[in-house]
N, C-alpha and C. Protein backbone atom coordinates (compact mmCIF):
# COMPACT_ATOMS: atom_id res chain seq x y z
N MET A 1 -115.55 40.49 -24.05
CA MET A 1 -116.83 40.26 -23.45
C MET A 1 -117.91 40.53 -24.49
N ASN A 2 -118.88 39.64 -24.55
CA ASN A 2 -120.04 39.80 -25.42
C ASN A 2 -121.30 39.72 -24.57
N ARG A 3 -122.41 40.16 -25.17
CA ARG A 3 -123.69 40.10 -24.47
C ARG A 3 -124.71 39.41 -25.36
N LEU A 4 -125.37 38.40 -24.80
CA LEU A 4 -126.42 37.70 -25.52
C LEU A 4 -127.70 38.52 -25.54
N LYS A 5 -128.64 38.16 -26.39
CA LYS A 5 -129.91 38.88 -26.47
C LYS A 5 -130.68 38.87 -25.16
N ASN A 6 -130.51 37.82 -24.36
CA ASN A 6 -131.22 37.75 -23.07
C ASN A 6 -130.51 38.54 -21.96
N GLY A 7 -129.43 39.24 -22.32
CA GLY A 7 -128.72 40.08 -21.37
C GLY A 7 -127.51 39.43 -20.74
N THR A 8 -127.36 38.13 -20.89
CA THR A 8 -126.24 37.42 -20.28
C THR A 8 -124.91 37.90 -20.85
N LEU A 9 -123.98 38.19 -19.97
CA LEU A 9 -122.64 38.60 -20.35
C LEU A 9 -121.77 37.36 -20.50
N ILE A 10 -120.99 37.31 -21.56
CA ILE A 10 -120.13 36.17 -21.82
C ILE A 10 -118.67 36.64 -21.81
N PHE A 11 -117.88 36.01 -20.95
CA PHE A 11 -116.45 36.27 -20.89
C PHE A 11 -115.76 35.03 -21.42
N LYS A 12 -115.10 35.13 -22.56
CA LYS A 12 -114.51 33.96 -23.21
C LYS A 12 -113.53 33.20 -22.32
N ASP A 13 -112.79 33.93 -21.48
CA ASP A 13 -111.80 33.27 -20.63
C ASP A 13 -112.43 32.63 -19.38
N TYR A 14 -113.69 32.96 -19.08
CA TYR A 14 -114.42 32.36 -17.96
C TYR A 14 -115.84 32.06 -18.41
N PRO A 15 -116.03 31.02 -19.22
CA PRO A 15 -117.34 30.75 -19.83
C PRO A 15 -118.45 30.40 -18.84
N ASP A 16 -118.12 29.97 -17.63
CA ASP A 16 -119.16 29.66 -16.64
C ASP A 16 -119.65 30.90 -15.90
N PHE A 17 -118.91 31.98 -15.99
CA PHE A 17 -119.26 33.24 -15.31
C PHE A 17 -120.19 34.02 -16.23
N LYS A 18 -121.49 34.07 -15.87
CA LYS A 18 -122.50 34.65 -16.74
C LYS A 18 -123.43 35.62 -16.00
N PRO A 19 -122.87 36.72 -15.48
CA PRO A 19 -123.77 37.72 -14.91
C PRO A 19 -124.65 38.30 -16.01
N ASN A 20 -125.72 38.96 -15.63
CA ASN A 20 -126.54 39.61 -16.66
C ASN A 20 -126.74 41.09 -16.37
N LEU A 21 -125.97 41.60 -15.45
CA LEU A 21 -125.92 43.04 -15.18
C LEU A 21 -124.47 43.49 -15.22
N THR A 22 -124.21 44.58 -15.91
CA THR A 22 -122.88 45.19 -15.90
C THR A 22 -122.72 45.95 -14.59
N PRO A 23 -121.49 46.29 -14.20
CA PRO A 23 -121.33 47.13 -13.02
C PRO A 23 -122.13 48.43 -13.11
N LYS A 24 -122.12 49.06 -14.29
CA LYS A 24 -122.89 50.29 -14.47
C LYS A 24 -124.37 50.04 -14.17
N GLU A 25 -124.91 48.96 -14.68
CA GLU A 25 -126.33 48.66 -14.45
C GLU A 25 -126.62 48.41 -12.98
N VAL A 26 -125.69 47.75 -12.29
CA VAL A 26 -125.87 47.51 -10.85
C VAL A 26 -126.01 48.85 -10.13
N PHE A 27 -125.13 49.79 -10.43
CA PHE A 27 -125.22 51.11 -9.79
C PHE A 27 -126.49 51.84 -10.20
N GLN A 28 -126.78 51.85 -11.49
CA GLN A 28 -127.92 52.61 -12.00
C GLN A 28 -129.26 52.08 -11.47
N LEU A 29 -129.33 50.79 -11.17
CA LEU A 29 -130.57 50.22 -10.64
C LEU A 29 -130.82 50.61 -9.18
N GLY A 30 -129.77 50.99 -8.48
CA GLY A 30 -129.88 51.32 -7.06
C GLY A 30 -129.37 50.18 -6.22
N SER A 31 -128.15 50.33 -5.69
CA SER A 31 -127.51 49.22 -4.99
C SER A 31 -126.67 49.69 -3.81
N PHE A 32 -126.47 48.77 -2.89
CA PHE A 32 -125.58 48.94 -1.74
C PHE A 32 -125.99 50.09 -0.82
N GLY A 33 -127.23 50.53 -0.92
CA GLY A 33 -127.67 51.65 -0.08
C GLY A 33 -126.84 52.89 -0.29
N GLY A 34 -126.15 52.96 -1.44
CA GLY A 34 -125.32 54.12 -1.77
C GLY A 34 -123.95 54.12 -1.15
N THR A 35 -123.55 53.02 -0.51
CA THR A 35 -122.31 53.03 0.28
C THR A 35 -121.14 52.26 -0.28
N TYR A 36 -121.27 51.62 -1.43
CA TYR A 36 -120.22 50.68 -1.80
C TYR A 36 -118.84 51.32 -1.85
N TYR A 37 -118.70 52.43 -2.51
CA TYR A 37 -117.38 53.05 -2.64
C TYR A 37 -117.16 54.19 -1.64
N ARG A 38 -117.78 54.07 -0.47
CA ARG A 38 -117.56 55.03 0.61
C ARG A 38 -116.11 54.98 1.07
N PRO A 39 -115.64 56.00 1.76
CA PRO A 39 -114.30 55.92 2.34
C PRO A 39 -114.25 54.77 3.35
N ILE A 40 -113.19 53.97 3.28
CA ILE A 40 -113.05 52.84 4.22
C ILE A 40 -111.63 52.79 4.77
N TYR A 41 -111.51 52.06 5.85
CA TYR A 41 -110.21 51.62 6.36
C TYR A 41 -110.21 50.11 6.24
N SER A 42 -109.24 49.58 5.53
CA SER A 42 -109.13 48.13 5.33
C SER A 42 -108.23 47.53 6.40
N THR A 43 -108.78 46.56 7.14
CA THR A 43 -107.94 45.84 8.10
C THR A 43 -107.04 44.83 7.39
N ILE A 44 -107.32 44.58 6.12
CA ILE A 44 -106.50 43.66 5.34
C ILE A 44 -105.22 44.34 4.88
N THR A 45 -105.34 45.56 4.36
CA THR A 45 -104.16 46.29 3.85
C THR A 45 -103.61 47.30 4.85
N GLN A 46 -104.39 47.57 5.90
CA GLN A 46 -104.01 48.58 6.89
C GLN A 46 -103.91 49.97 6.26
N LYS A 47 -104.82 50.23 5.29
CA LYS A 47 -104.82 51.52 4.59
C LYS A 47 -106.24 52.09 4.53
N LYS A 48 -106.29 53.42 4.35
CA LYS A 48 -107.55 54.10 4.10
C LYS A 48 -107.74 54.24 2.60
N TYR A 49 -109.01 54.17 2.16
CA TYR A 49 -109.34 54.32 0.74
C TYR A 49 -110.50 55.29 0.60
N SER A 50 -110.46 56.08 -0.44
CA SER A 50 -111.59 56.94 -0.78
C SER A 50 -111.52 57.27 -2.28
N ASN A 51 -112.65 57.64 -2.81
CA ASN A 51 -112.78 57.99 -4.24
C ASN A 51 -112.30 56.88 -5.18
N THR A 52 -112.35 55.66 -4.74
CA THR A 52 -111.91 54.52 -5.55
C THR A 52 -112.76 54.37 -6.79
N HIS A 53 -114.01 54.81 -6.72
CA HIS A 53 -114.91 54.70 -7.87
C HIS A 53 -114.43 55.51 -9.08
N LYS A 54 -113.55 56.44 -8.86
CA LYS A 54 -113.08 57.30 -9.95
C LYS A 54 -112.18 56.56 -10.95
N GLU A 55 -111.79 55.33 -10.64
CA GLU A 55 -111.00 54.56 -11.61
C GLU A 55 -111.87 54.01 -12.74
N TYR A 56 -113.19 54.08 -12.59
CA TYR A 56 -114.10 53.52 -13.59
C TYR A 56 -114.64 54.62 -14.50
N PRO A 57 -115.21 54.24 -15.63
CA PRO A 57 -115.77 55.25 -16.54
C PRO A 57 -116.83 56.10 -15.85
N SER A 58 -116.78 57.40 -16.06
CA SER A 58 -117.72 58.31 -15.39
C SER A 58 -119.16 58.04 -15.80
N ASP A 59 -119.38 57.47 -16.99
CA ASP A 59 -120.77 57.22 -17.40
C ASP A 59 -121.44 56.15 -16.53
N TRP A 60 -120.67 55.34 -15.81
CA TRP A 60 -121.27 54.38 -14.88
C TRP A 60 -122.11 55.11 -13.83
N PHE A 61 -121.73 56.33 -13.52
CA PHE A 61 -122.36 57.08 -12.42
C PHE A 61 -123.19 58.26 -12.91
N LYS A 62 -123.41 58.34 -14.21
CA LYS A 62 -124.17 59.45 -14.78
C LYS A 62 -125.58 59.46 -14.18
N GLY A 63 -125.97 60.64 -13.71
CA GLY A 63 -127.29 60.79 -13.11
C GLY A 63 -127.34 60.41 -11.64
N LEU A 64 -126.26 59.86 -11.10
CA LEU A 64 -126.21 59.49 -9.68
C LEU A 64 -125.47 60.58 -8.91
N ASN A 65 -125.83 60.75 -7.66
CA ASN A 65 -125.09 61.70 -6.82
C ASN A 65 -124.25 60.93 -5.81
N ASP A 66 -123.44 61.65 -5.06
CA ASP A 66 -122.54 61.01 -4.10
C ASP A 66 -123.28 60.11 -3.12
N ASN A 67 -124.50 60.49 -2.73
CA ASN A 67 -125.26 59.67 -1.78
C ASN A 67 -125.64 58.31 -2.36
N GLN A 68 -125.53 58.14 -3.67
CA GLN A 68 -125.87 56.88 -4.31
C GLN A 68 -124.64 56.01 -4.59
N VAL A 69 -123.46 56.54 -4.26
CA VAL A 69 -122.23 55.80 -4.59
C VAL A 69 -121.23 55.78 -3.43
N ILE A 70 -121.02 56.92 -2.77
CA ILE A 70 -119.93 57.02 -1.79
C ILE A 70 -120.40 57.50 -0.41
N SER A 71 -121.65 57.28 -0.11
CA SER A 71 -122.18 57.70 1.19
C SER A 71 -121.64 56.81 2.31
N SER A 72 -121.37 57.39 3.45
CA SER A 72 -120.96 56.61 4.61
C SER A 72 -122.15 56.01 5.34
N ASN A 73 -123.35 56.47 5.01
CA ASN A 73 -124.56 55.98 5.67
C ASN A 73 -125.43 55.23 4.68
N CYS A 74 -125.75 53.99 5.03
CA CYS A 74 -126.59 53.17 4.17
C CYS A 74 -128.02 53.70 4.17
N ASN A 75 -128.56 53.91 2.99
CA ASN A 75 -129.93 54.37 2.82
C ASN A 75 -130.66 53.34 1.95
N GLN A 76 -131.36 52.42 2.61
CA GLN A 76 -131.99 51.32 1.87
C GLN A 76 -133.03 51.81 0.88
N SER A 77 -133.55 53.02 1.04
CA SER A 77 -134.53 53.53 0.08
C SER A 77 -133.90 53.79 -1.29
N LEU A 78 -132.56 53.85 -1.34
CA LEU A 78 -131.86 54.01 -2.61
C LEU A 78 -131.78 52.70 -3.40
N ASN A 79 -131.95 51.59 -2.69
CA ASN A 79 -131.87 50.28 -3.34
C ASN A 79 -133.12 50.03 -4.17
N LYS A 80 -132.96 49.32 -5.26
CA LYS A 80 -134.08 49.04 -6.15
C LYS A 80 -135.27 48.46 -5.40
N TYR A 81 -135.01 47.51 -4.52
CA TYR A 81 -136.10 46.82 -3.82
C TYR A 81 -136.39 47.42 -2.45
N LYS A 82 -135.74 48.54 -2.13
CA LYS A 82 -136.01 49.31 -0.91
C LYS A 82 -135.75 48.52 0.37
N VAL A 83 -134.81 47.59 0.31
CA VAL A 83 -134.46 46.79 1.48
C VAL A 83 -132.95 46.83 1.68
N LYS A 84 -132.53 46.49 2.88
CA LYS A 84 -131.11 46.36 3.17
C LYS A 84 -130.71 44.93 2.88
N SER A 85 -129.59 44.77 2.20
CA SER A 85 -129.11 43.44 1.85
C SER A 85 -127.60 43.45 1.90
N GLY A 86 -127.04 42.52 2.63
CA GLY A 86 -125.59 42.43 2.69
C GLY A 86 -125.08 42.56 4.11
N GLN A 87 -123.78 42.34 4.23
CA GLN A 87 -123.12 42.42 5.52
C GLN A 87 -122.12 43.58 5.51
N SER A 88 -121.56 43.84 6.65
CA SER A 88 -120.58 44.92 6.76
C SER A 88 -119.24 44.49 6.17
N LEU A 89 -118.44 45.49 5.82
CA LEU A 89 -117.09 45.22 5.33
C LEU A 89 -116.31 44.42 6.37
N ARG A 90 -116.47 44.75 7.62
CA ARG A 90 -115.75 44.04 8.69
C ARG A 90 -116.13 42.56 8.72
N ALA A 91 -117.42 42.28 8.53
CA ALA A 91 -117.86 40.88 8.49
C ALA A 91 -117.23 40.16 7.30
N TRP A 92 -117.15 40.83 6.15
CA TRP A 92 -116.52 40.23 4.96
C TRP A 92 -115.04 39.97 5.23
N GLU A 93 -114.37 40.95 5.86
CA GLU A 93 -112.95 40.78 6.17
C GLU A 93 -112.76 39.61 7.13
N ASP A 94 -113.57 39.56 8.17
CA ASP A 94 -113.45 38.50 9.17
C ASP A 94 -113.73 37.11 8.58
N ALA A 95 -114.58 37.06 7.56
CA ALA A 95 -114.92 35.79 6.90
C ALA A 95 -113.83 35.35 5.91
N GLY A 96 -112.86 36.21 5.64
CA GLY A 96 -111.80 35.87 4.71
C GLY A 96 -112.16 36.07 3.25
N TRP A 97 -113.21 36.84 3.00
CA TRP A 97 -113.67 37.05 1.63
C TRP A 97 -112.96 38.20 0.92
N ILE A 98 -112.22 39.01 1.67
CA ILE A 98 -111.57 40.19 1.11
C ILE A 98 -110.08 39.92 0.93
N THR A 99 -109.56 40.36 -0.20
CA THR A 99 -108.12 40.26 -0.45
C THR A 99 -107.54 41.67 -0.58
N ALA A 100 -106.23 41.76 -0.48
CA ALA A 100 -105.57 43.07 -0.56
C ALA A 100 -105.78 43.73 -1.92
N GLN A 101 -105.88 42.95 -2.99
CA GLN A 101 -106.01 43.58 -4.31
C GLN A 101 -107.35 44.27 -4.50
N ASP A 102 -108.38 43.83 -3.79
CA ASP A 102 -109.72 44.42 -3.89
C ASP A 102 -110.28 44.62 -2.49
N PRO A 103 -109.80 45.65 -1.79
CA PRO A 103 -110.18 45.81 -0.39
C PRO A 103 -111.67 46.12 -0.15
N TYR A 104 -112.41 46.47 -1.20
CA TYR A 104 -113.85 46.68 -1.04
C TYR A 104 -114.64 45.38 -1.22
N GLY A 105 -114.04 44.39 -1.82
CA GLY A 105 -114.71 43.10 -1.92
C GLY A 105 -115.06 42.65 -3.32
N TRP A 106 -116.02 41.70 -3.37
CA TRP A 106 -116.38 41.03 -4.61
C TRP A 106 -116.78 42.01 -5.70
N PHE A 107 -117.62 42.98 -5.41
CA PHE A 107 -118.09 43.87 -6.47
C PHE A 107 -116.96 44.72 -7.04
N GLN A 108 -116.00 45.10 -6.22
CA GLN A 108 -114.83 45.80 -6.74
C GLN A 108 -114.07 44.88 -7.68
N TRP A 109 -113.92 43.62 -7.28
CA TRP A 109 -113.28 42.66 -8.18
C TRP A 109 -114.05 42.61 -9.50
N TYR A 110 -115.39 42.53 -9.43
CA TYR A 110 -116.20 42.43 -10.65
C TYR A 110 -116.03 43.67 -11.53
N CYS A 111 -116.04 44.83 -10.94
CA CYS A 111 -115.85 46.06 -11.72
C CYS A 111 -114.53 46.01 -12.49
N ARG A 112 -113.49 45.60 -11.82
CA ARG A 112 -112.16 45.55 -12.44
C ARG A 112 -112.08 44.42 -13.47
N PHE A 113 -112.68 43.29 -13.17
CA PHE A 113 -112.71 42.17 -14.12
C PHE A 113 -113.46 42.58 -15.38
N TYR A 114 -114.60 43.22 -15.19
CA TYR A 114 -115.42 43.69 -16.32
C TYR A 114 -114.61 44.64 -17.21
N GLU A 115 -113.80 45.47 -16.59
CA GLU A 115 -112.98 46.43 -17.32
C GLU A 115 -111.75 45.79 -17.96
N GLY A 116 -111.55 44.49 -17.75
CA GLY A 116 -110.47 43.79 -18.44
C GLY A 116 -109.34 43.27 -17.58
N ARG A 117 -109.31 43.63 -16.31
CA ARG A 117 -108.23 43.13 -15.46
C ARG A 117 -108.41 41.63 -15.22
N ARG A 118 -107.33 40.90 -15.27
CA ARG A 118 -107.33 39.50 -14.91
C ARG A 118 -106.29 39.33 -13.82
N SER A 119 -106.59 38.46 -12.85
CA SER A 119 -105.71 38.32 -11.70
C SER A 119 -105.74 36.89 -11.18
N PRO A 120 -104.82 36.55 -10.31
CA PRO A 120 -104.82 35.22 -9.70
C PRO A 120 -106.08 34.93 -8.86
N ASP A 121 -106.83 35.97 -8.51
CA ASP A 121 -108.03 35.80 -7.68
C ASP A 121 -109.29 35.50 -8.51
N ASP A 122 -109.18 35.53 -9.83
CA ASP A 122 -110.37 35.37 -10.68
C ASP A 122 -111.09 34.05 -10.44
N GLU A 123 -110.36 32.97 -10.37
CA GLU A 123 -110.99 31.67 -10.21
C GLU A 123 -111.80 31.59 -8.91
N ARG A 124 -111.24 32.09 -7.83
CA ARG A 124 -111.95 32.09 -6.54
C ARG A 124 -113.21 32.94 -6.61
N GLN A 125 -113.10 34.12 -7.20
CA GLN A 125 -114.25 35.02 -7.25
C GLN A 125 -115.35 34.47 -8.17
N VAL A 126 -114.97 33.88 -9.28
CA VAL A 126 -115.97 33.29 -10.16
C VAL A 126 -116.66 32.13 -9.44
N LYS A 127 -115.90 31.35 -8.70
CA LYS A 127 -116.48 30.24 -7.92
C LYS A 127 -117.48 30.77 -6.89
N ARG A 128 -117.16 31.87 -6.26
CA ARG A 128 -118.09 32.48 -5.29
C ARG A 128 -119.37 32.91 -6.01
N TRP A 129 -119.21 33.55 -7.19
CA TRP A 129 -120.39 33.98 -7.96
C TRP A 129 -121.24 32.77 -8.33
N LEU A 130 -120.61 31.70 -8.79
CA LEU A 130 -121.37 30.49 -9.15
C LEU A 130 -122.17 29.96 -7.96
N GLY A 131 -121.61 30.05 -6.77
CA GLY A 131 -122.31 29.60 -5.57
C GLY A 131 -123.53 30.44 -5.22
N VAL A 132 -123.54 31.68 -5.68
CA VAL A 132 -124.65 32.59 -5.42
C VAL A 132 -125.64 32.60 -6.59
N CYS A 133 -125.12 32.76 -7.80
CA CYS A 133 -125.95 33.04 -8.98
C CYS A 133 -125.83 32.04 -10.11
N GLY A 134 -124.93 31.10 -10.02
CA GLY A 134 -124.72 30.15 -11.10
C GLY A 134 -125.90 29.21 -11.28
N PRO A 135 -125.80 28.27 -12.20
CA PRO A 135 -126.90 27.34 -12.47
C PRO A 135 -127.43 26.64 -11.21
N LYS A 136 -126.53 26.36 -10.27
CA LYS A 136 -126.94 25.73 -9.01
C LYS A 136 -126.74 26.68 -7.84
N GLY A 137 -126.64 27.96 -8.14
CA GLY A 137 -126.39 28.98 -7.12
C GLY A 137 -127.47 28.97 -6.04
N ARG A 138 -127.02 28.97 -4.80
CA ARG A 138 -127.91 28.87 -3.65
C ARG A 138 -129.01 29.92 -3.65
N TRP A 139 -128.66 31.18 -3.84
CA TRP A 139 -129.64 32.26 -3.72
C TRP A 139 -130.51 32.37 -4.96
N LYS A 140 -129.95 32.12 -6.11
CA LYS A 140 -130.76 32.13 -7.33
C LYS A 140 -131.81 31.03 -7.28
N ARG A 141 -131.40 29.83 -6.90
CA ARG A 141 -132.33 28.69 -6.82
C ARG A 141 -133.39 28.95 -5.74
N ARG A 142 -132.96 29.52 -4.62
CA ARG A 142 -133.92 29.77 -3.54
C ARG A 142 -135.02 30.73 -3.99
N LEU A 143 -134.63 31.82 -4.65
CA LEU A 143 -135.63 32.78 -5.13
C LEU A 143 -136.53 32.14 -6.18
N ALA A 144 -135.95 31.40 -7.11
CA ALA A 144 -136.76 30.74 -8.14
C ALA A 144 -137.76 29.78 -7.50
N ASN A 145 -137.33 29.02 -6.51
CA ASN A 145 -138.23 28.09 -5.83
C ASN A 145 -139.32 28.80 -5.04
N MET A 146 -138.99 29.93 -4.45
CA MET A 146 -140.00 30.70 -3.71
C MET A 146 -141.09 31.21 -4.67
N ILE A 147 -140.67 31.68 -5.83
CA ILE A 147 -141.63 32.17 -6.82
C ILE A 147 -142.53 31.03 -7.29
N LYS A 148 -141.92 29.88 -7.56
CA LYS A 148 -142.71 28.72 -8.01
C LYS A 148 -143.65 28.24 -6.90
N ASP A 149 -143.15 28.18 -5.66
CA ASP A 149 -143.98 27.72 -4.54
C ASP A 149 -145.18 28.62 -4.30
N LYS A 150 -145.01 29.91 -4.54
CA LYS A 150 -146.11 30.86 -4.35
C LYS A 150 -146.99 30.96 -5.59
N ASN A 151 -146.61 30.22 -6.64
CA ASN A 151 -147.37 30.21 -7.89
C ASN A 151 -147.65 31.64 -8.37
N THR A 152 -146.58 32.41 -8.41
CA THR A 152 -146.69 33.81 -8.81
C THR A 152 -145.75 34.06 -10.00
N THR A 153 -145.61 35.31 -10.38
CA THR A 153 -144.82 35.64 -11.54
C THR A 153 -143.41 36.09 -11.15
N LEU A 154 -142.54 36.06 -12.12
CA LEU A 154 -141.16 36.48 -11.95
C LEU A 154 -141.07 37.89 -11.37
N ASN A 155 -141.95 38.77 -11.81
CA ASN A 155 -141.90 40.18 -11.40
C ASN A 155 -142.76 40.50 -10.20
N ASP A 156 -143.13 39.51 -9.42
CA ASP A 156 -143.84 39.75 -8.16
C ASP A 156 -142.76 40.07 -7.12
N TYR A 157 -142.44 41.36 -7.01
CA TYR A 157 -141.33 41.79 -6.17
C TYR A 157 -141.61 41.67 -4.68
N SER A 158 -142.83 41.26 -4.31
CA SER A 158 -143.09 40.99 -2.89
C SER A 158 -142.41 39.69 -2.46
N VAL A 159 -142.03 38.87 -3.41
CA VAL A 159 -141.33 37.62 -3.10
C VAL A 159 -139.85 37.93 -2.91
N SER A 160 -139.42 37.87 -1.68
CA SER A 160 -138.05 38.07 -1.25
C SER A 160 -137.29 39.21 -1.92
N PRO A 161 -137.67 40.44 -1.60
CA PRO A 161 -136.90 41.56 -2.14
C PRO A 161 -135.44 41.55 -1.65
N VAL A 162 -135.17 40.96 -0.50
CA VAL A 162 -133.79 40.92 0.01
C VAL A 162 -132.92 40.03 -0.88
N ILE A 163 -133.43 38.86 -1.28
CA ILE A 163 -132.65 38.00 -2.16
C ILE A 163 -132.50 38.66 -3.53
N ARG A 164 -133.54 39.31 -4.01
CA ARG A 164 -133.44 40.01 -5.29
C ARG A 164 -132.35 41.08 -5.24
N GLN A 165 -132.31 41.84 -4.14
CA GLN A 165 -131.28 42.88 -3.99
C GLN A 165 -129.90 42.23 -3.92
N LEU A 166 -129.78 41.14 -3.18
CA LEU A 166 -128.51 40.44 -3.08
C LEU A 166 -128.03 39.98 -4.46
N LEU A 167 -128.92 39.37 -5.23
CA LEU A 167 -128.53 38.93 -6.58
C LEU A 167 -128.09 40.11 -7.44
N GLN A 168 -128.80 41.22 -7.31
CA GLN A 168 -128.43 42.42 -8.07
C GLN A 168 -127.01 42.86 -7.71
N HIS A 169 -126.67 42.81 -6.43
CA HIS A 169 -125.32 43.19 -6.00
C HIS A 169 -124.27 42.27 -6.61
N TRP A 170 -124.68 41.07 -6.95
CA TRP A 170 -123.77 40.10 -7.57
C TRP A 170 -123.89 40.12 -9.09
N GLY A 171 -124.53 41.15 -9.65
CA GLY A 171 -124.59 41.30 -11.10
C GLY A 171 -125.60 40.40 -11.78
N TYR A 172 -126.67 40.07 -11.06
CA TYR A 172 -127.64 39.13 -11.64
C TYR A 172 -129.06 39.52 -11.28
N VAL A 173 -129.92 39.39 -12.26
CA VAL A 173 -131.36 39.53 -12.04
C VAL A 173 -131.99 38.25 -12.56
N LEU A 174 -132.92 37.69 -11.80
CA LEU A 174 -133.57 36.43 -12.16
C LEU A 174 -134.29 36.57 -13.49
N LYS A 175 -134.19 35.52 -14.32
CA LYS A 175 -134.82 35.48 -15.64
C LYS A 175 -135.92 34.42 -15.64
N GLN A 176 -136.83 34.53 -16.58
CA GLN A 176 -137.90 33.54 -16.72
C GLN A 176 -137.33 32.14 -16.88
N SER A 177 -136.24 32.02 -17.60
CA SER A 177 -135.65 30.69 -17.82
C SER A 177 -135.12 30.08 -16.52
N ASP A 178 -134.87 30.89 -15.50
CA ASP A 178 -134.42 30.37 -14.21
C ASP A 178 -135.54 29.66 -13.46
N LEU A 179 -136.78 29.89 -13.86
CA LEU A 179 -137.91 29.28 -13.17
C LEU A 179 -138.24 27.88 -13.69
N LYS A 180 -137.54 27.46 -14.74
CA LYS A 180 -137.83 26.13 -15.33
C LYS A 180 -137.08 25.04 -14.62
């Protein structure tokens, strides 16, 4: 994995997958209301999970406390944009978005992919990311169009903080070049 000057991450084996936030940066910016790696029961694997975040480098969580990573209660004030964004784990499971290898979901897949794991699920997950954040990604394009329609600046965070938070959860922050 390499990183371009504009922050874009490049994975040689998946050249279309170009997040611009590392998993560490996603956590450090304030994400998931502090609940992503909370203890869960997976209806997919029929197992309980806890402390799953400990498989990653400890520096990802430096300066963060348990309420920012493994809390059972969502606290939207912990999120960068101070809004709630996302659905419940149960909704993700019911939608078929969760697999047994990553019972927490897409971001768990991304953390493991970033750390070097490759799996049969990579193509599906990259395709999902492209649909959200890729060149024609629904949510990236929507936010860019909202900013242009309001004739405001990229950093006018009053323009859809929920979509901004969602993109952050997917490892992406809108860039000036996205507005062209």
